[in-house]
Amino acid sequence: MHAKGKIIQDYVTPFSDPLPVKMGERLRIGKRDEEWPEFVWCVNQEGKGGWIPEEHIERSEDIGYARRDYTTQELTVRAGETVTLFEQDSRWFWAENAEGKKGWIPAKVVRFEPE
């Protein structure tokens, strides 16, 4: 996927310290997100946590292993901004803004623009 999108609603990331996860990495799994039930809270071996789509985790009780590389990096965007969309995952898009910054944004804050 590679498309242009127009931001229709501001989104400010609440997390400034993203959790990068490598395929096969062991994670402790916590609660499910109430707003985004596809996501579960995961904590790595160093004690750093973040929300990860449950489908990306091979789970056994409260322990899991990452099925793919993933980052919880989110992108702050403003209404009217144009972004490039690369991947859709669990109602979020991996996007890049005009300054070259990349991160996840909720699908509900963006609409596709014709090329």
C-alpha atoms as a PDB file:
ATOM      1  CA  MET A   1       0.000   0.000   0.000  1.00  0.00           C
ATOM      2  CA  HIS A   2       1.144   3.504  -0.791  1.00  0.00           C
ATOM      3  CA  ALA A   3      -1.478   6.260  -0.824  1.00  0.00           C
ATOM      4  CA  LYS A   4      -2.000   9.896   0.104  1.00  0.00           C
ATOM      5  CA  GLY A   5      -4.294  10.834   2.957  1.00  0.00           C
ATOM      6  CA  LYS A   6      -5.722  14.094   4.274  1.00  0.00           C
ATOM      7  CA  ILE A   7      -5.904  14.472   8.048  1.00  0.00           C
ATOM      8  CA  ILE A   8      -9.478  15.371   9.025  1.00  0.00           C
ATOM      9  CA  GLN A   9      -8.997  15.554  12.803  1.00  0.00           C
ATOM     10  CA  ASP A  10      -6.026  16.431  15.017  1.00  0.00           C
ATOM     11  CA  TYR A  11      -4.324  13.515  16.727  1.00  0.00           C
ATOM     12  CA  VAL A  12      -1.702  14.037  19.425  1.00  0.00           C
ATOM     13  CA  THR A  13       0.179  10.954  20.523  1.00  0.00           C
ATOM     14  CA  PRO A  14       0.007  10.358  24.267  1.00  0.00           C
ATOM     15  CA  PHE A  15       3.275   8.344  24.166  1.00  0.00           C
ATOM     16  CA  SER A  16       6.666   9.972  23.647  1.00  0.00           C
ATOM     17  CA  ASP A  17       8.797   6.864  24.245  1.00  0.00           C
ATOM     18  CA  PRO A  18       7.832   4.108  21.760  1.00  0.00           C
ATOM     19  CA  LEU A  19       8.426   0.409  22.327  1.00  0.00           C
ATOM     20  CA  PRO A  20      10.327  -1.259  19.473  1.00  0.00           C
ATOM     21  CA  VAL A  21       9.793  -5.039  19.313  1.00  0.00           C
ATOM     22  CA  LYS A  22      11.799  -7.589  17.314  1.00  0.00           C
ATOM     23  CA  MET A  23      10.320 -10.789  15.914  1.00  0.00           C
ATOM     24  CA  GLY A  24      10.682 -13.564  18.505  1.00  0.00           C
ATOM     25  CA  GLU A  25      11.093 -11.148  21.425  1.00  0.00           C
ATOM     26  CA  ARG A  26       9.541 -12.346  24.704  1.00  0.00           C
ATOM     27  CA  LEU A  27       6.829 -10.097  26.136  1.00  0.00           C
ATOM     28  CA  ARG A  28       4.744 -10.038  29.289  1.00  0.00           C
ATOM     29  CA  ILE A  29       1.123  -9.431  28.294  1.00  0.00           C
ATOM     30  CA  GLY A  30      -1.224  -7.303  30.356  1.00  0.00           C
ATOM     31  CA  LYS A  31      -4.674  -5.801  29.906  1.00  0.00           C
ATOM     32  CA  ARG A  32      -6.634  -5.220  26.699  1.00  0.00           C
ATOM     33  CA  ASP A  33      -7.161  -1.620  25.565  1.00  0.00           C
ATOM     34  CA  GLU A  34     -10.763  -0.444  26.080  1.00  0.00           C
ATOM     35  CA  GLU A  35     -10.880   1.944  23.097  1.00  0.00           C
ATOM     36  CA  TRP A  36      -8.818  -0.284  20.776  1.00  0.00           C
ATOM     37  CA  PRO A  37      -9.626  -3.888  21.844  1.00  0.00           C
ATOM     38  CA  GLU A  38      -7.310  -5.309  19.162  1.00  0.00           C
ATOM     39  CA  PHE A  39      -4.389  -4.087  21.301  1.00  0.00           C
ATOM     40  CA  VAL A  40      -2.896  -5.506  24.482  1.00  0.00           C
ATOM     41  CA  TRP A  41      -0.391  -3.903  26.836  1.00  0.00           C
ATOM     42  CA  CYS A  42       3.004  -5.605  26.474  1.00  0.00           C
ATOM     43  CA  VAL A  43       6.152  -5.195  28.532  1.00  0.00           C
ATOM     44  CA  ASN A  44       9.594  -6.262  27.282  1.00  0.00           C
ATOM     45  CA  GLN A  45      12.456  -7.813  29.273  1.00  0.00           C
ATOM     46  CA  GLU A  46      13.760  -4.351  30.240  1.00  0.00           C
ATOM     47  CA  GLY A  47      10.401  -3.339  31.721  1.00  0.00           C
ATOM     48  CA  LYS A  48       9.370  -0.970  28.904  1.00  0.00           C
ATOM     49  CA  GLY A  49       5.719  -1.191  27.818  1.00  0.00           C
ATOM     50  CA  GLY A  50       3.458  -0.321  24.914  1.00  0.00           C
ATOM     51  CA  TRP A  51       0.248  -1.258  23.092  1.00  0.00           C
ATOM     52  CA  ILE A  52       0.692  -3.979  20.444  1.00  0.00           C
ATOM     53  CA  PRO A  53      -1.966  -5.613  18.229  1.00  0.00           C
ATOM     54  CA  GLU A  54      -2.692  -9.000  19.782  1.00  0.00           C
ATOM     55  CA  GLU A  55      -2.512 -10.657  16.348  1.00  0.00           C
ATOM     56  CA  HIS A  56       1.241  -9.853  16.314  1.00  0.00           C
ATOM     57  CA  ILE A  57       1.852 -11.976  19.416  1.00  0.00           C
ATOM     58  CA  GLU A  58       2.117 -15.741  19.807  1.00  0.00           C
ATOM     59  CA  ARG A  59       0.429 -15.895  23.186  1.00  0.00           C
ATOM     60  CA  SER A  60       0.415 -18.394  26.047  1.00  0.00           C
ATOM     61  CA  GLU A  61      -1.430 -16.990  29.062  1.00  0.00           C
ATOM     62  CA  ASP A  62       0.341 -13.766  30.101  1.00  0.00           C
ATOM     63  CA  ILE A  63       3.563 -14.436  28.143  1.00  0.00           C
ATOM     64  CA  GLY A  64       3.993 -14.023  24.413  1.00  0.00           C
ATOM     65  CA  TYR A  65       6.510 -13.812  21.597  1.00  0.00           C
ATOM     66  CA  ALA A  66       6.422 -11.193  18.852  1.00  0.00           C
ATOM     67  CA  ARG A  67       5.405 -12.663  15.484  1.00  0.00           C
ATOM     68  CA  ARG A  68       6.994  -9.727  13.611  1.00  0.00           C
ATOM     69  CA  ASP A  69       9.053  -6.599  14.097  1.00  0.00           C
ATOM     70  CA  TYR A  70       6.819  -3.805  15.349  1.00  0.00           C
ATOM     71  CA  THR A  71       7.064  -0.353  16.892  1.00  0.00           C
ATOM     72  CA  THR A  72       4.516   1.529  18.958  1.00  0.00           C
ATOM     73  CA  GLN A  73       5.769   4.827  17.449  1.00  0.00           C
ATOM     74  CA  GLU A  74       2.785   7.122  16.882  1.00  0.00           C
ATOM     75  CA  LEU A  75       2.655  10.294  14.799  1.00  0.00           C
ATOM     76  CA  THR A  76       1.109  13.582  15.905  1.00  0.00           C
ATOM     77  CA  VAL A  77      -0.899  15.085  13.017  1.00  0.00           C
ATOM     78  CA  ARG A  78      -3.044  18.186  12.482  1.00  0.00           C
ATOM     79  CA  ALA A  79      -6.270  18.606  10.508  1.00  0.00           C
ATOM     80  CA  GLY A  80      -5.552  19.690   6.920  1.00  0.00           C
ATOM     81  CA  GLU A  81      -2.138  18.028   6.803  1.00  0.00           C
ATOM     82  CA  THR A  82      -1.374  15.573   3.967  1.00  0.00           C
ATOM     83  CA  VAL A  83       0.392  12.321   4.811  1.00  0.00           C
ATOM     84  CA  THR A  84       1.619   9.271   2.910  1.00  0.00           C
ATOM     85  CA  LEU A  85       0.031   6.007   4.077  1.00  0.00           C
ATOM     86  CA  PHE A  86       2.075   2.815   3.858  1.00  0.00           C
ATOM     87  CA  GLU A  87       0.333   0.095   5.851  1.00  0.00           C
ATOM     88  CA  GLN A  88      -2.998  -0.446   7.580  1.00  0.00           C
ATOM     89  CA  ASP A  89      -3.041  -2.545  10.747  1.00  0.00           C
ATOM     90  CA  SER A  90      -5.745  -2.919  13.410  1.00  0.00           C
ATOM     91  CA  ARG A  91      -7.602   0.293  12.446  1.00  0.00           C
ATOM     92  CA  TRP A  92      -4.346   2.322  12.310  1.00  0.00           C
ATOM     93  CA  PHE A  93      -2.134   3.490   9.433  1.00  0.00           C
ATOM     94  CA  TRP A  94       1.655   3.672   9.310  1.00  0.00           C
ATOM     95  CA  ALA A  95       2.118   7.189   7.903  1.00  0.00           C
ATOM     96  CA  GLU A  96       4.757   9.746   6.999  1.00  0.00           C
ATOM     97  CA  ASN A  97       4.229  13.512   7.191  1.00  0.00           C
ATOM     98  CA  ALA A  98       5.748  16.235   4.987  1.00  0.00           C
ATOM     99  CA  GLU A  99       8.746  16.563   7.365  1.00  0.00           C
ATOM    100  CA  GLY A 100       9.593  12.872   6.937  1.00  0.00           C
ATOM    101  CA  LYS A 101       8.452  11.817  10.421  1.00  0.00           C
ATOM    102  CA  LYS A 102       6.791   8.382  10.554  1.00  0.00           C
ATOM    103  CA  GLY A 103       4.430   6.690  12.981  1.00  0.00           C
ATOM    104  CA  TRP A 104       1.017   5.146  13.518  1.00  0.00           C
ATOM    105  CA  ILE A 105      -2.154   7.251  13.256  1.00  0.00           C
ATOM    106  CA  PRO A 106      -5.755   6.139  13.872  1.00  0.00           C
ATOM    107  CA  ALA A 107      -7.610   5.404  10.618  1.00  0.00           C
ATOM    108  CA  LYS A 108     -10.520   7.543  11.855  1.00  0.00           C
ATOM    109  CA  VAL A 109      -8.446  10.764  11.579  1.00  0.00           C
ATOM    110  CA  VAL A 110      -7.528  10.375   7.891  1.00  0.00           C
ATOM    111  CA  ARG A 111      -9.310  10.067   4.550  1.00  0.00           C
ATOM    112  CA  PHE A 112      -7.814   8.891   1.273  1.00  0.00           C
ATOM    113  CA  GLU A 113      -6.910  11.532  -1.291  1.00  0.00           C
ATOM    114  CA  PRO A 114      -6.946  10.864  -5.028  1.00  0.00           C
ATOM    115  CA  GLU A 115      -3.450  10.625  -6.499  1.00  0.00           C
END
